[in-house]
Amino acid sequence: MSALTIFVRSLPVDACNDRLEEIFSEIGPVNHYFVVKEKGEDKCRGFGYVTYSMEEDAQHAVREVKVYDGQKINVSVAKKKLPRGGFRHGRHGAPAHKKIYIPNGNICAIDFLLLICSSRQ
């Protein structure tokens, strides 16, 4: 996501799109905004996104907007979501080892590849 989009978390369960737009449009023109809802319900999952037309407005909102209807919220520049598939990552960004079946036991794929490569030398 560009620096124009901000991530808003700690929203109350009754947060709505119109109120989100109302609060953040006080900073500057808002292009797009939405509260993320539970599937099949009208209950907020606690976060949402707001996109501004100007990066300066987004940065100003990150610094200035701290409250949604009396409840403290956290506002930050949104980060691009990593694509699914390929290598999975575990805690702290470290690659997660995929387990594969080996007749002598269950070892991770990386260890298996190292075992094969070292046996060919």
Protein backbone atom coordinates (compact mmCIF):
# COMPACT_ATOMS: atom_id res chain seq x y z
CA MET A 1 0.00 0.00 0.00
CA SER A 2 1.17 3.52 -0.59
CA ALA A 3 1.84 6.07 2.13
CA LEU A 4 -1.59 7.46 1.27
CA THR A 5 -3.36 4.59 3.05
CA ILE A 6 -3.48 4.37 6.80
CA PHE A 7 -4.33 1.42 9.03
CA VAL A 8 -6.66 2.13 11.95
CA ARG A 9 -6.85 -0.41 14.77
CA SER A 10 -8.50 -0.68 18.18
CA LEU A 11 -11.82 0.45 16.72
CA PRO A 12 -14.90 -0.34 18.84
CA VAL A 13 -17.22 -3.19 17.77
CA ASP A 14 -19.89 -0.67 16.74
CA ALA A 15 -17.55 1.34 14.46
CA CYS A 16 -19.04 2.20 11.06
CA ASN A 17 -17.80 3.47 7.69
CA ASP A 18 -19.64 6.80 7.86
CA ARG A 19 -18.18 7.74 11.26
CA LEU A 20 -14.68 6.67 10.17
CA GLU A 21 -14.96 8.92 7.13
CA GLU A 22 -16.32 11.79 9.24
CA ILE A 23 -13.41 11.64 11.72
CA PHE A 24 -10.63 11.31 9.14
CA SER A 25 -12.03 13.81 6.62
CA GLU A 26 -11.41 16.54 9.21
CA ILE A 27 -7.71 16.18 8.28
CA GLY A 28 -8.21 16.33 4.51
CA PRO A 29 -10.10 14.82 1.56
CA VAL A 30 -10.60 11.06 1.96
CA ASN A 31 -10.69 8.92 -1.21
CA HIS A 32 -11.61 5.56 0.28
CA TYR A 33 -12.43 4.26 3.75
CA PHE A 34 -13.84 1.12 5.30
CA VAL A 35 -14.26 -0.66 8.58
CA VAL A 36 -13.52 -4.40 8.40
CA LYS A 37 -16.59 -6.35 9.59
CA GLU A 38 -17.11 -9.91 10.82
CA LYS A 39 -18.37 -12.22 8.05
CA GLY A 40 -22.15 -12.14 7.89
CA GLU A 41 -22.42 -9.65 10.76
CA ASP A 42 -22.45 -5.91 11.24
CA LYS A 43 -19.82 -6.12 13.99
CA CYS A 44 -16.45 -4.40 13.47
CA ARG A 45 -13.39 -6.65 13.72
CA GLY A 46 -11.50 -3.80 15.37
CA PHE A 47 -9.70 -2.29 12.40
CA GLY A 48 -10.18 -0.38 9.17
CA TYR A 49 -8.43 1.56 6.42
CA VAL A 50 -8.50 5.14 5.19
CA THR A 51 -6.94 6.38 1.95
CA TYR A 52 -6.15 10.05 1.40
CA SER A 53 -5.53 11.83 -1.88
CA MET A 54 -2.40 13.53 -0.50
CA GLU A 55 0.43 11.89 1.44
CA GLU A 56 0.73 14.93 3.71
CA ASP A 57 -2.86 14.42 4.90
CA ALA A 58 -2.18 10.75 5.65
CA GLN A 59 0.95 11.64 7.66
CA HIS A 60 -0.99 14.33 9.51
CA ALA A 61 -3.75 11.84 10.37
CA VAL A 62 -1.17 9.37 11.74
CA ARG A 63 0.17 12.10 14.03
CA GLU A 64 -3.12 13.71 15.05
CA VAL A 65 -6.04 11.25 15.12
CA LYS A 66 -5.97 9.27 18.37
CA VAL A 67 -9.64 8.81 19.36
CA TYR A 68 -12.80 7.28 17.83
CA ASP A 69 -15.90 8.39 19.77
CA GLY A 70 -14.01 8.56 23.06
CA GLN A 71 -12.07 5.30 22.55
CA LYS A 72 -8.31 5.43 22.00
CA ILE A 73 -7.26 4.10 18.57
CA ASN A 74 -3.93 3.37 16.91
CA VAL A 75 -3.22 4.88 13.50
CA SER A 76 -0.25 3.98 11.30
CA VAL A 77 0.75 3.94 7.64
CA ALA A 78 -0.62 0.73 6.10
CA LYS A 79 1.89 -1.86 4.93
CA LYS A 80 1.45 -3.97 1.82
CA LYS A 81 0.19 -7.45 2.61
CA LEU A 82 2.60 -10.19 1.61
CA PRO A 83 1.25 -12.51 -1.09
CA ARG A 84 0.11 -15.97 -0.05
CA GLY A 85 1.92 -19.03 -1.31
CA GLY A 86 5.59 -19.69 -1.75
CA PHE A 87 7.65 -19.94 1.39
CA ARG A 88 5.75 -19.42 4.59
CA HIS A 89 7.35 -17.45 7.35
CA GLY A 90 7.25 -18.25 11.02
CA ARG A 91 7.64 -15.92 13.96
CA HIS A 92 9.74 -12.81 13.46
CA GLY A 93 9.98 -13.30 9.67
CA ALA A 94 12.12 -16.45 9.85
CA PRO A 95 11.33 -19.03 7.18
CA ALA A 96 9.03 -21.76 8.46
CA HIS A 97 10.39 -25.24 7.82
CA LYS A 98 8.04 -27.53 5.95
CA LYS A 99 8.00 -31.10 7.21
CA ILE A 100 8.29 -33.93 4.72
CA TYR A 101 8.18 -37.67 5.29
CA ILE A 102 11.52 -39.46 5.19
CA PRO A 103 11.62 -43.18 5.97
CA ASN A 104 14.02 -42.65 8.88
CA GLY A 105 12.00 -39.85 10.46
CA ASN A 106 10.35 -36.48 9.93
CA ILE A 107 12.86 -33.73 9.14
CA CYS A 108 12.42 -30.31 7.61
CA ALA A 109 12.80 -29.85 3.84
CA ILE A 110 15.84 -27.58 4.19
CA ASP A 111 17.68 -30.12 6.33
CA PHE A 112 16.76 -32.81 3.79
CA LEU A 113 18.18 -30.76 0.91
CA LEU A 114 21.37 -30.14 2.87
CA LEU A 115 21.61 -33.87 3.59
CA ILE A 116 21.27 -34.73 -0.13
CA CYS A 117 23.75 -32.04 -1.23
CA SER A 118 26.35 -33.08 1.34
CA SER A 119 26.04 -36.76 0.37
CA ARG A 120 26.79 -35.93 -3.30
CA GLN A 121 30.13 -34.30 -2.53
